[in-house]
Amino acid sequence: MTVFCLVEVDGDAVADASLRALTLARDLPGGLAAVTFADPPLAELAAYGAADVYVVSGIDGYAPQAWARALGGLLGGLDGLGDAAAAVPPAVVAAGTDRGNEVLAHLGAITGLPMAANCTAVSASPDGALAVVRQRWGGLLLEEAVLEAPAALLTVAADAVSAAPAAVPGAAAAHLVSPSLHAGDLAVRAAEEPAGAGGASLATARVVVGGGRGVGSAEGFAPLDELAALLGGVVGVSRVVTSEGWRPHTQQVGQTGTKITPDLYLACGISGAIQHIAGCSGAKHIIAINTDPGAPMVARADYAVIGDLHEVVPALVKALRSRA
């Protein structure tokens, strides 16, 4: 039996969210195999317990249906990857990112297999089914469920598992896979772009400086950009900011954006809607800057500065520059 884990690569390393997924997948019955659509960091994957690494070729950029078709082929019985996998695995695991959830949703539609998103724990029941605990309603409650199927599709909640290397790491063998695709599998495809000047993405950044309605305008983000650069972090935004067109959706933190797990989240002018709280709850430390002491984000924060972000943020920038 094999457990496949879809691995996303960030630059030349495995994305932090995928390391968390590998950590959870490693505890399931059977051997662990990683599946990647980029050049694989074999040593890092081996350190997290992957004995085999399937490198999928022939798909340029991110094409969710094509990625799902390739995963389906590895399961066997779909579109002729032949004997790439001799047995149907108990699970296919992915990080609970936009891509992980989208690809496994496509895979569920292709195979008819059940999918459980945002899992926090998975275990094998005595009858061979998988028992899962997963987040619902933006993490407000936990649901226990049993997936009775030949194979289950699981995504791992961003803040549920800490990435931890295997106690006894081995060596990973690479296998090149060329999937058989359908005509429409590449109809939707996104070209890969560099994460940015700092090389950090919102999902993997250790410091995120968030901006909300209180920033006031697109131009108002200039001090936040400067602060993020000084802290070695990236800028994230609330949903209202993207709705106003001040920043792109790719920077949105929240239930319908990116779920973040930084060491520090500095939330500036963000009231703290439940959907946004769901996206930043994995942060180790939250500092809120807000004029409203009753804002939900202030209540959620470890520390709060009650004041105007247009005064506080420039003061922080000035203090950091004086120490450089």
Protein backbone atom coordinates (compact mmCIF):
# COMPACT_ATOMS: atom_id res chain seq x y z
CA MET A 1 0.00 0.00 0.00
CA THR A 2 1.24 3.47 -0.88
CA VAL A 3 0.19 6.89 0.38
CA PHE A 4 0.74 9.57 -2.27
CA CYS A 5 1.42 13.14 -1.15
CA LEU A 6 1.14 16.01 -3.62
CA VAL A 7 4.17 18.23 -3.01
CA GLU A 8 4.31 21.90 -3.96
CA VAL A 9 7.75 23.40 -4.51
CA ASP A 10 8.61 26.96 -3.49
CA GLY A 11 11.76 28.03 -5.32
CA ASP A 12 14.23 25.20 -4.88
CA ALA A 13 12.71 23.83 -1.66
CA VAL A 14 9.53 22.07 -0.61
CA ALA A 15 6.80 24.52 0.43
CA ASP A 16 6.24 24.62 4.18
CA ALA A 17 2.58 23.60 3.77
CA SER A 18 3.67 20.49 1.87
CA LEU A 19 6.17 19.59 4.59
CA ARG A 20 3.25 19.65 7.02
CA ALA A 21 1.25 17.41 4.68
CA LEU A 22 4.15 14.97 4.41
CA THR A 23 4.40 14.88 8.21
CA LEU A 24 0.75 13.85 8.53
CA ALA A 25 0.86 11.45 5.58
CA ARG A 26 3.90 9.69 7.04
CA ASP A 27 1.81 8.39 9.95
CA LEU A 28 -0.69 6.61 7.70
CA PRO A 29 -0.35 2.88 7.00
CA GLY A 30 1.83 2.02 4.01
CA GLY A 31 4.81 3.55 2.28
CA LEU A 32 4.99 7.25 1.53
CA ALA A 33 5.50 8.52 -2.02
CA ALA A 34 5.76 12.18 -3.01
CA VAL A 35 4.36 13.50 -6.30
CA THR A 36 5.75 16.71 -7.72
CA PHE A 37 5.36 18.69 -10.93
CA ALA A 38 8.68 20.53 -10.52
CA ASP A 39 12.33 19.63 -10.00
CA PRO A 40 12.22 17.61 -6.77
CA PRO A 41 14.45 18.38 -3.76
CA LEU A 42 15.11 14.67 -3.22
CA ALA A 43 17.19 15.05 -0.07
CA GLU A 44 14.50 17.14 1.64
CA LEU A 45 11.73 14.76 0.61
CA ALA A 46 13.73 11.79 1.87
CA ALA A 47 14.26 13.59 5.18
CA TYR A 48 10.48 13.76 5.57
CA GLY A 49 9.99 10.06 4.91
CA ALA A 50 9.30 9.82 1.17
CA ALA A 51 10.74 6.58 -0.16
CA ASP A 52 9.66 7.27 -3.74
CA VAL A 53 9.28 10.53 -5.64
CA TYR A 54 7.16 10.62 -8.80
CA VAL A 55 8.20 13.52 -11.03
CA VAL A 56 5.44 14.35 -13.52
CA SER A 57 6.62 15.72 -16.87
CA GLY A 58 4.87 17.24 -19.85
CA ILE A 59 2.73 19.78 -17.97
CA ASP A 60 4.02 23.36 -18.04
CA GLY A 61 2.83 25.60 -15.22
CA TYR A 62 -0.13 24.93 -12.98
CA ALA A 63 -3.00 23.06 -14.66
CA PRO A 64 -5.31 21.72 -11.93
CA GLN A 65 -7.23 19.20 -14.03
CA ALA A 66 -4.06 17.89 -15.67
CA TRP A 67 -2.39 17.57 -12.25
CA ALA A 68 -5.43 15.64 -11.03
CA ARG A 69 -5.38 13.39 -14.10
CA ALA A 70 -1.72 12.57 -13.44
CA LEU A 71 -2.48 11.72 -9.81
CA GLY A 72 -5.38 9.58 -10.96
CA GLY A 73 -3.05 7.69 -13.25
CA LEU A 74 -0.75 6.93 -10.34
CA LEU A 75 -3.69 5.45 -8.47
CA GLY A 76 -3.97 2.88 -11.26
CA GLY A 77 -6.91 2.18 -13.52
CA LEU A 78 -7.01 5.68 -14.99
CA ASP A 79 -5.53 6.73 -18.28
CA GLY A 80 -2.78 4.29 -18.60
CA LEU A 81 0.10 4.94 -16.41
CA GLY A 82 0.12 1.18 -16.35
CA ASP A 83 1.66 -0.43 -13.31
CA ALA A 84 3.08 2.76 -11.81
CA ALA A 85 1.19 1.80 -8.65
CA ALA A 86 0.43 -1.88 -8.08
CA ALA A 87 -2.23 -1.27 -5.43
CA VAL A 88 -4.81 1.38 -4.72
CA PRO A 89 -3.43 3.51 -1.88
CA PRO A 90 -5.45 4.28 1.24
CA ALA A 91 -5.06 8.02 0.70
CA VAL A 92 -3.86 10.84 -1.47
CA VAL A 93 -2.76 13.75 0.72
CA ALA A 94 -2.12 17.40 -0.17
CA ALA A 95 -1.59 20.63 1.69
CA GLY A 96 -4.73 22.65 2.41
CA THR A 97 -3.63 25.40 0.00
CA ASP A 98 -5.57 26.80 -2.94
CA ARG A 99 -3.78 24.37 -5.21
CA GLY A 100 -4.03 21.36 -2.93
CA ASN A 101 -7.77 21.78 -2.45
CA GLU A 102 -8.42 22.49 -6.13
CA VAL A 103 -6.40 19.57 -7.48
CA LEU A 104 -7.91 17.05 -5.07
CA ALA A 105 -11.41 18.35 -5.83
CA HIS A 106 -10.72 17.65 -9.52
CA LEU A 107 -9.33 14.24 -8.61
CA GLY A 108 -12.47 13.45 -6.62
CA ALA A 109 -14.62 14.40 -9.60
CA ILE A 110 -12.54 12.21 -11.92
CA THR A 111 -12.39 9.15 -9.68
CA GLY A 112 -15.60 9.41 -7.66
CA LEU A 113 -13.56 9.13 -4.46
CA PRO A 114 -14.52 11.12 -1.34
CA MET A 115 -12.49 14.16 -0.35
CA ALA A 116 -12.08 15.60 3.14
CA ALA A 117 -10.60 19.10 3.30
CA ASN A 118 -8.75 20.81 6.16
CA CYS A 119 -7.95 17.66 8.13
CA THR A 120 -6.20 18.03 11.47
CA ALA A 121 -5.73 14.30 12.23
CA VAL A 122 -6.10 11.01 10.36
CA SER A 123 -5.99 7.43 11.63
CA ALA A 124 -6.83 3.95 10.34
CA SER A 125 -9.91 2.35 11.87
CA PRO A 126 -9.96 -1.42 12.64
CA ASP A 127 -11.99 -2.19 9.50
CA GLY A 128 -9.46 -0.46 7.25
CA ALA A 129 -11.35 2.79 6.69
CA LEU A 130 -9.77 6.15 7.50
CA ALA A 131 -11.06 8.17 10.42
CA VAL A 132 -10.47 11.90 10.04
CA VAL A 133 -10.86 15.01 12.14
CA ARG A 134 -11.30 18.14 10.09
CA GLN A 135 -12.01 21.81 10.55
CA ARG A 136 -15.43 23.19 9.64
CA TRP A 137 -16.89 26.70 9.59
CA GLY A 138 -13.51 28.38 9.30
CA GLY A 139 -12.05 26.35 12.15
CA LEU A 140 -14.85 27.14 14.62
CA LEU A 141 -15.61 23.45 15.09
CA LEU A 142 -14.01 20.07 14.49
CA GLU A 143 -15.87 17.27 12.71
CA GLU A 144 -15.11 13.56 13.12
CA ALA A 145 -15.85 11.40 10.07
CA VAL A 146 -15.01 8.02 8.58
CA LEU A 147 -14.20 7.70 4.88
CA GLU A 148 -15.28 4.32 3.56
CA ALA A 149 -13.81 4.04 0.08
CA PRO A 150 -10.99 2.27 -1.77
CA ALA A 151 -8.94 5.45 -1.36
CA ALA A 152 -9.49 8.78 0.36
CA LEU A 153 -8.46 12.26 -0.72
CA LEU A 154 -7.30 14.50 2.12
CA THR A 155 -5.97 18.03 2.48
CA VAL A 156 -4.19 19.10 5.66
CA ALA A 157 -5.29 22.25 7.49
CA ALA A 158 -2.55 24.88 7.37
CA ASP A 159 -2.16 25.22 11.14
CA ALA A 160 -2.93 21.62 12.16
CA VAL A 161 0.44 19.93 11.91
CA SER A 162 3.97 21.11 12.62
CA ALA A 163 6.49 20.10 9.97
CA ALA A 164 8.86 17.50 11.42
CA PRO A 165 11.47 15.36 9.64
CA ALA A 166 11.24 11.59 9.97
CA ALA A 167 12.98 10.08 12.98
CA VAL A 168 14.90 7.73 10.69
CA PRO A 169 15.19 9.37 7.25
CA GLY A 170 16.07 7.17 4.31
CA ALA A 171 16.78 7.69 0.63
CA ALA A 172 14.24 8.69 -2.02
CA ALA A 173 14.14 7.09 -5.46
CA ALA A 174 12.96 9.31 -8.32
CA HIS A 175 10.57 8.02 -11.00
CA LEU A 176 9.74 10.04 -14.13
CA VAL A 177 6.06 9.90 -15.10
CA SER A 178 4.50 11.04 -18.38
CA PRO A 179 0.71 11.11 -17.90
CA SER A 180 -1.90 10.45 -20.55
CA LEU A 181 -4.09 13.56 -20.65
CA HIS A 182 -7.53 14.31 -22.08
CA ALA A 183 -8.09 17.06 -24.61
CA GLY A 184 -9.54 19.51 -22.10
CA ASP A 185 -7.11 18.86 -19.24
CA LEU A 186 -4.91 21.80 -20.20
CA ALA A 187 -7.75 24.23 -20.96
CA VAL A 188 -7.09 26.00 -17.65
CA ARG A 189 -3.43 26.62 -16.97
CA ALA A 190 -1.47 29.26 -15.07
CA ALA A 191 2.11 30.19 -15.87
CA GLU A 192 4.55 30.12 -12.96
CA GLU A 193 5.81 33.48 -11.74
CA PRO A 194 8.58 34.39 -9.28
CA ALA A 195 7.25 34.91 -5.76
CA GLY A 196 8.78 38.38 -5.56
CA ALA A 197 11.97 40.22 -4.81
CA GLY A 198 12.41 38.55 -1.47
CA GLY A 199 11.64 35.11 -2.85
CA ALA A 200 9.01 34.52 -0.13
CA SER A 201 5.39 33.65 -0.77
CA LEU A 202 2.46 34.53 1.44
CA ALA A 203 1.93 30.89 2.40
CA THR A 204 5.52 30.38 3.53
CA ALA A 205 6.59 33.82 4.81
CA ARG A 206 7.81 33.99 8.41
CA VAL A 207 6.59 37.59 8.73
CA VAL A 208 3.39 38.96 7.19
CA VAL A 209 2.34 42.62 7.38
CA GLY A 210 -1.41 42.75 6.82
CA GLY A 211 -3.45 45.71 5.65
CA GLY A 212 -7.20 46.22 5.71
CA ARG A 213 -9.81 48.86 5.06
CA GLY A 214 -8.03 51.20 7.47
CA VAL A 215 -5.12 51.61 5.04
CA GLY A 216 -7.48 53.79 3.03
CA SER A 217 -6.19 53.41 -0.53
CA ALA A 218 -3.81 51.58 -2.81
CA GLU A 219 -1.25 54.32 -2.25
CA GLY A 220 -1.60 53.86 1.51
CA PHE A 221 0.17 50.50 1.28
CA ALA A 222 3.57 52.07 0.56
CA PRO A 223 4.57 52.24 4.27
CA LEU A 224 3.39 48.65 4.78
CA ASP A 225 5.48 47.49 1.82
CA GLU A 226 8.49 49.26 3.34
CA LEU A 227 7.85 47.74 6.77
CA ALA A 228 7.50 44.25 5.32
CA ALA A 229 10.79 44.65 3.43
CA LEU A 230 12.60 45.77 6.59
CA LEU A 231 11.24 42.76 8.49
CA GLY A 232 12.07 40.31 5.71
CA GLY A 233 8.40 39.56 5.19
CA VAL A 234 5.57 40.04 2.71
CA VAL A 235 2.31 42.00 2.61
CA GLY A 236 -1.07 40.34 3.04
CA VAL A 237 -4.50 41.95 2.82
CA SER A 238 -8.10 41.50 3.87
CA ARG A 239 -10.90 40.71 1.48
CA VAL A 240 -12.21 44.28 1.34
CA VAL A 241 -8.84 45.43 0.02
CA THR A 242 -9.04 43.07 -2.96
CA SER A 243 -12.71 43.97 -3.49
CA GLU A 244 -11.70 47.64 -3.73
CA GLY A 245 -9.01 46.72 -6.26
CA TRP A 246 -6.19 48.09 -4.11
CA ARG A 247 -4.23 44.82 -4.14
CA PRO A 248 -4.49 41.51 -6.06
CA HIS A 249 -6.36 38.48 -4.74
CA THR A 250 -3.08 36.56 -4.50
CA GLN A 251 -2.28 38.65 -1.41
CA GLN A 252 -5.57 37.97 0.36
CA VAL A 253 -5.38 36.30 3.77
CA GLY A 254 -8.51 34.44 4.80
CA GLN A 255 -10.87 31.55 4.33
CA THR A 256 -11.24 32.38 0.62
CA GLY A 257 -7.63 33.51 0.31
CA THR A 258 -4.38 32.10 1.67
CA LYS A 259 -4.13 30.56 5.12
CA ILE A 260 -0.87 31.74 6.66
CA THR A 261 1.35 30.34 9.40
CA PRO A 262 4.01 33.01 10.02
CA ASP A 263 5.98 33.58 13.19
CA LEU A 264 4.58 37.12 13.23
CA TYR A 265 1.42 38.61 11.73
CA LEU A 266 1.19 42.40 12.02
CA ALA A 267 -2.43 43.31 11.24
CA CYS A 268 -2.82 46.99 10.35
CA GLY A 269 -6.28 48.52 10.07
CA ILE A 270 -7.99 45.10 9.88
CA SER A 271 -11.24 44.74 11.83
CA GLY A 272 -11.03 40.95 11.87
CA ALA A 273 -13.98 39.30 10.13
CA ILE A 274 -14.32 35.60 10.95
CA GLN A 275 -13.15 34.63 7.46
CA HIS A 276 -9.95 36.63 7.94
CA ILE A 277 -9.38 35.22 11.43
CA ALA A 278 -9.69 31.72 9.91
CA GLY A 279 -6.85 32.58 7.52
CA CYS A 280 -4.41 33.97 10.09
CA SER A 281 -5.17 31.78 13.11
CA GLY A 282 -2.07 29.69 12.38
CA ALA A 283 0.24 32.63 13.12
CA LYS A 284 2.43 32.12 16.20
CA HIS A 285 2.12 35.76 17.25
CA ILE A 286 -0.38 38.42 16.16
CA ILE A 287 0.05 42.16 16.70
CA ALA A 288 -2.88 44.41 15.83
CA ILE A 289 -2.70 48.11 15.02
CA ASN A 290 -6.18 49.59 15.10
CA THR A 291 -8.04 52.69 16.24
CA ASP A 292 -10.93 50.55 17.53
CA PRO A 293 -10.15 48.79 20.84
CA GLY A 294 -13.27 46.65 20.36
CA ALA A 295 -12.26 45.24 16.97
CA PRO A 296 -12.27 41.40 16.81
CA MET A 297 -8.67 41.45 15.57
CA VAL A 298 -7.61 43.34 18.69
CA ALA A 299 -9.31 40.70 20.85
CA ARG A 300 -7.57 37.93 18.90
CA ALA A 301 -4.12 39.55 18.99
CA ASP A 302 -1.35 38.75 21.45
CA TYR A 303 -0.47 42.45 21.53
CA ALA A 304 -2.37 45.49 20.29
CA VAL A 305 -1.48 49.08 19.53
CA ILE A 306 -4.53 51.32 19.74
CA GLY A 307 -3.71 54.10 17.32
CA ASP A 308 -3.67 55.35 13.76
CA LEU A 309 -1.67 53.01 11.51
CA HIS A 310 -0.66 56.01 9.40
CA GLU A 311 1.28 57.26 12.42
CA VAL A 312 2.32 53.95 13.98
CA VAL A 313 3.69 52.22 10.86
CA PRO A 314 5.94 55.14 9.76
CA ALA A 315 7.24 55.31 13.35
CA LEU A 316 8.08 51.60 13.21
CA VAL A 317 9.81 52.07 9.85
CA LYS A 318 11.83 54.98 11.24
CA ALA A 319 12.84 52.98 14.32
CA LEU A 320 13.91 49.97 12.26
CA ARG A 321 15.92 52.11 9.83
CA SER A 322 17.70 53.83 12.74
CA ARG A 323 18.88 50.43 13.97
CA ALA A 324 20.11 49.26 10.55
